[in-house]
Every structure is written in structure tokens, then in C-alpha cells.
Amino acid sequence: MKYDLSNTEREIMEVLWARGVDHAGMAPKEIIKIFSERGRNWKRQTLNTYFARLEEKGLIRRECGIVEACCSKREYESLYCHEILEQNYGGKLSAFLCAFSGMEGISEEEAAELLKMIQRRVRT
């Protein structure tokens, strides 16, 4: 899965997302410093390996020594969810919801909330 992230890739993206997509990005040395403060003493090459993977997934770009997120966290979550739907449920939200709710079903409150969401989407 293209958008599936390892724990470390997710941590790196969280740092970039905290900076903001519209921000100018970060120098790798800033990211190394943040992770060093978290107890991880990475070499630049280690970080570059993770950057290469994230770049391959289309989640970051590197230019002139600056790394920046290509999408917001919310946009990423949407891409990831769509990928899961396509690969596992034939792109059908209804199939996902049936699998998600399992044998227990959903509460009336959850059903009402879903119905409101569907109605808003149908109108737009």
C-alpha cells in the first residue's frame, strides 16, 4: 500500500505536519535535532533513507536542502482511507461500514450521524 506508513515515517510526517503544509519546510538538521531531543541519535543518512521512502510515496518533496510535506495530515488520511477502500472493499463505503461494524452493528447515534453526513454529501 502506497500510503501505509511505518511508525518512524509517521513520526517524521507528524513533525512536518506540525510545521504546516503552507510553511517553507524544514532543513534536515532541524528534524535531526527534534528526534535527538526525543532520544533518537540518527545520522543524516538514516533520515535520508526515510525521506526517500516518503518522497516515493508522494508525501514529501526535497528542494535546496529543505523538506516539506506535500499534503496536510487530513489530506493524507483521506488518501489512505481511499486506498484501503479500493484495495480491500472494492471502493465501496457500504462494504467497509459492514465490515467495520461487524456483527454488533452501530448505535442509533452513529447511524444518525452517518445519515447526516450522507445527506450533506448528496446535496453538494
C-alpha atoms as a PDB file:
ATOM      1  CA  MET A   1       0.000   0.000   0.000  1.00  0.00           C
ATOM      2  CA  LYS A   2       1.447   3.273  -1.125  1.00  0.00           C
ATOM      3  CA  TYR A   3       0.158   5.382   1.770  1.00  0.00           C
ATOM      4  CA  ASP A   4       0.815   2.894   4.555  1.00  0.00           C
ATOM      5  CA  LEU A   5       3.438   4.410   6.884  1.00  0.00           C
ATOM      6  CA  SER A   6       5.856   2.799   9.293  1.00  0.00           C
ATOM      7  CA  ASN A   7       5.853   4.224  12.813  1.00  0.00           C
ATOM      8  CA  THR A   8       9.010   6.224  12.074  1.00  0.00           C
ATOM      9  CA  GLU A   9       7.691   7.549   8.759  1.00  0.00           C
ATOM     10  CA  ARG A  10       4.553   8.667  10.577  1.00  0.00           C
ATOM     11  CA  GLU A  11       6.618  10.407  13.263  1.00  0.00           C
ATOM     12  CA  ILE A  12       8.573  12.298  10.606  1.00  0.00           C
ATOM     13  CA  MET A  13       5.339  13.307   8.866  1.00  0.00           C
ATOM     14  CA  GLU A  14       3.862  14.442  12.202  1.00  0.00           C
ATOM     15  CA  VAL A  15       6.858  16.781  12.642  1.00  0.00           C
ATOM     16  CA  LEU A  16       6.358  18.178   9.133  1.00  0.00           C
ATOM     17  CA  TRP A  17       2.582  18.465   9.554  1.00  0.00           C
ATOM     18  CA  ALA A  18       3.078  20.316  12.834  1.00  0.00           C
ATOM     19  CA  ARG A  19       5.112  22.855  10.862  1.00  0.00           C
ATOM     20  CA  GLY A  20       2.253  23.161   8.338  1.00  0.00           C
ATOM     21  CA  VAL A  21       1.939  22.445   4.629  1.00  0.00           C
ATOM     22  CA  ASP A  22       1.972  26.125   3.708  1.00  0.00           C
ATOM     23  CA  HIS A  23       5.174  26.739   5.663  1.00  0.00           C
ATOM     24  CA  ALA A  24       8.528  26.838   3.895  1.00  0.00           C
ATOM     25  CA  GLY A  25       9.509  23.393   5.184  1.00  0.00           C
ATOM     26  CA  MET A  26      12.403  22.307   7.360  1.00  0.00           C
ATOM     27  CA  ALA A  27      16.082  21.639   6.985  1.00  0.00           C
ATOM     28  CA  PRO A  28      17.055  18.031   7.741  1.00  0.00           C
ATOM     29  CA  LYS A  29      19.277  19.242  10.584  1.00  0.00           C
ATOM     30  CA  GLU A  30      16.167  20.698  12.288  1.00  0.00           C
ATOM     31  CA  ILE A  31      14.434  17.325  12.035  1.00  0.00           C
ATOM     32  CA  ILE A  32      17.534  15.521  13.327  1.00  0.00           C
ATOM     33  CA  LYS A  33      17.595  17.925  16.292  1.00  0.00           C
ATOM     34  CA  ILE A  34      13.909  17.251  17.089  1.00  0.00           C
ATOM     35  CA  PHE A  35      14.459  13.497  17.056  1.00  0.00           C
ATOM     36  CA  SER A  36      17.687  13.836  19.018  1.00  0.00           C
ATOM     37  CA  GLU A  37      15.676  15.588  21.740  1.00  0.00           C
ATOM     38  CA  ARG A  38      13.360  12.551  21.678  1.00  0.00           C
ATOM     39  CA  GLY A  39      16.314  10.224  22.302  1.00  0.00           C
ATOM     40  CA  ARG A  40      16.997   9.189  18.734  1.00  0.00           C
ATOM     41  CA  ASN A  41      20.507   9.912  17.566  1.00  0.00           C
ATOM     42  CA  TRP A  42      20.136   9.492  13.835  1.00  0.00           C
ATOM     43  CA  LYS A  43      22.783  10.061  11.254  1.00  0.00           C
ATOM     44  CA  ARG A  44      21.857  12.151   8.242  1.00  0.00           C
ATOM     45  CA  GLN A  45      21.889   9.033   6.029  1.00  0.00           C
ATOM     46  CA  THR A  46      19.286   7.328   8.241  1.00  0.00           C
ATOM     47  CA  LEU A  47      16.972  10.292   7.840  1.00  0.00           C
ATOM     48  CA  ASN A  48      17.657  10.407   4.094  1.00  0.00           C
ATOM     49  CA  THR A  49      16.527   6.778   3.834  1.00  0.00           C
ATOM     50  CA  TYR A  50      13.187   7.695   5.416  1.00  0.00           C
ATOM     51  CA  PHE A  51      12.943  10.805   3.237  1.00  0.00           C
ATOM     52  CA  ALA A  52      13.451   8.685   0.107  1.00  0.00           C
ATOM     53  CA  ARG A  53      10.605   6.381   1.130  1.00  0.00           C
ATOM     54  CA  LEU A  54       8.271   9.299   1.898  1.00  0.00           C
ATOM     55  CA  GLU A  55       9.217  11.006  -1.352  1.00  0.00           C
ATOM     56  CA  GLU A  56       8.485   7.797  -3.269  1.00  0.00           C
ATOM     57  CA  LYS A  57       5.024   7.765  -1.671  1.00  0.00           C
ATOM     58  CA  GLY A  58       4.496  11.358  -2.818  1.00  0.00           C
ATOM     59  CA  LEU A  59       4.178  12.698   0.721  1.00  0.00           C
ATOM     60  CA  ILE A  60       7.225  14.965   0.834  1.00  0.00           C
ATOM     61  CA  ARG A  61       9.408  16.918  -1.545  1.00  0.00           C
ATOM     62  CA  ARG A  62      13.027  17.928  -1.105  1.00  0.00           C
ATOM     63  CA  GLU A  63      14.418  21.028  -2.741  1.00  0.00           C
ATOM     64  CA  CYS A  64      17.506  23.089  -1.990  1.00  0.00           C
ATOM     65  CA  GLY A  65      18.103  21.286   1.299  1.00  0.00           C
ATOM     66  CA  ILE A  66      14.550  21.824   2.542  1.00  0.00           C
ATOM     67  CA  VAL A  67      11.990  19.096   3.222  1.00  0.00           C
ATOM     68  CA  GLU A  68       8.285  19.838   3.125  1.00  0.00           C
ATOM     69  CA  ALA A  69       5.043  17.909   3.295  1.00  0.00           C
ATOM     70  CA  CYS A  70       3.125  17.700   0.017  1.00  0.00           C
ATOM     71  CA  CYS A  71      -0.224  17.373   1.768  1.00  0.00           C
ATOM     72  CA  SER A  72      -1.837  18.118   5.093  1.00  0.00           C
ATOM     73  CA  LYS A  73      -2.466  15.392   7.648  1.00  0.00           C
ATOM     74  CA  ARG A  74      -6.167  15.488   6.807  1.00  0.00           C
ATOM     75  CA  GLU A  75      -5.441  15.105   3.070  1.00  0.00           C
ATOM     76  CA  TYR A  76      -3.120  12.182   3.826  1.00  0.00           C
ATOM     77  CA  GLU A  77      -5.776  10.466   5.945  1.00  0.00           C
ATOM     78  CA  SER A  78      -8.264  10.835   3.119  1.00  0.00           C
ATOM     79  CA  LEU A  79      -5.812   9.363   0.580  1.00  0.00           C
ATOM     80  CA  TYR A  80      -5.027   6.473   2.916  1.00  0.00           C
ATOM     81  CA  CYS A  81      -8.692   5.728   3.580  1.00  0.00           C
ATOM     82  CA  HIS A  82      -9.485   5.758  -0.143  1.00  0.00           C
ATOM     83  CA  GLU A  83      -6.606   3.375  -0.748  1.00  0.00           C
ATOM     84  CA  ILE A  84      -7.928   0.988   1.922  1.00  0.00           C
ATOM     85  CA  LEU A  85     -11.426   1.179   0.429  1.00  0.00           C
ATOM     86  CA  GLU A  86     -10.176   0.439  -3.080  1.00  0.00           C
ATOM     87  CA  GLN A  87      -7.840  -2.399  -2.149  1.00  0.00           C
ATOM     88  CA  ASN A  88      -9.996  -4.155   0.413  1.00  0.00           C
ATOM     89  CA  TYR A  89     -13.629  -3.238  -0.243  1.00  0.00           C
ATOM     90  CA  GLY A  90     -13.899  -2.669  -3.987  1.00  0.00           C
ATOM     91  CA  GLY A  91     -14.134   1.070  -3.404  1.00  0.00           C
ATOM     92  CA  LYS A  92     -17.477   0.677  -1.644  1.00  0.00           C
ATOM     93  CA  LEU A  93     -18.000   2.586   1.577  1.00  0.00           C
ATOM     94  CA  SER A  94     -21.012   0.398   2.359  1.00  0.00           C
ATOM     95  CA  ALA A  95     -18.833  -2.750   2.268  1.00  0.00           C
ATOM     96  CA  PHE A  96     -16.325  -1.089   4.591  1.00  0.00           C
ATOM     97  CA  LEU A  97     -19.026   0.003   7.035  1.00  0.00           C
ATOM     98  CA  CYS A  98     -20.471  -3.507   7.142  1.00  0.00           C
ATOM     99  CA  ALA A  99     -17.026  -4.951   7.869  1.00  0.00           C
ATOM    100  CA  PHE A 100     -16.252  -2.215  10.394  1.00  0.00           C
ATOM    101  CA  SER A 101     -19.470  -2.577  12.341  1.00  0.00           C
ATOM    102  CA  GLY A 102     -19.238  -6.381  12.249  1.00  0.00           C
ATOM    103  CA  MET A 103     -21.875  -8.405  13.972  1.00  0.00           C
ATOM    104  CA  GLU A 104     -22.534  -5.740  16.596  1.00  0.00           C
ATOM    105  CA  GLY A 105     -23.979  -3.159  14.241  1.00  0.00           C
ATOM    106  CA  ILE A 106     -23.879   0.534  15.035  1.00  0.00           C
ATOM    107  CA  SER A 107     -25.691   2.641  17.597  1.00  0.00           C
ATOM    108  CA  GLU A 108     -28.666   4.828  16.715  1.00  0.00           C
ATOM    109  CA  GLU A 109     -26.491   7.882  17.406  1.00  0.00           C
ATOM    110  CA  GLU A 110     -23.823   6.679  14.964  1.00  0.00           C
ATOM    111  CA  ALA A 111     -26.468   5.856  12.360  1.00  0.00           C
ATOM    112  CA  ALA A 112     -27.979   9.353  12.707  1.00  0.00           C
ATOM    113  CA  GLU A 113     -24.541  10.944  12.345  1.00  0.00           C
ATOM    114  CA  LEU A 114     -23.779   8.875   9.232  1.00  0.00           C
ATOM    115  CA  LEU A 115     -27.158   9.751   7.740  1.00  0.00           C
ATOM    116  CA  LYS A 116     -26.463  13.468   8.260  1.00  0.00           C
ATOM    117  CA  MET A 117     -23.067  13.109   6.581  1.00  0.00           C
ATOM    118  CA  ILE A 118     -24.614  11.298   3.614  1.00  0.00           C
ATOM    119  CA  GLN A 119     -27.333  13.905   3.247  1.00  0.00           C
ATOM    120  CA  ARG A 120     -24.752  16.730   3.260  1.00  0.00           C
ATOM    121  CA  ARG A 121     -22.698  14.970   0.569  1.00  0.00           C
ATOM    122  CA  VAL A 122     -25.728  14.307  -1.627  1.00  0.00           C
ATOM    123  CA  ARG A 123     -26.693  18.000  -1.568  1.00  0.00           C
ATOM    124  CA  THR A 124     -23.268  19.233  -2.657  1.00  0.00           C
END
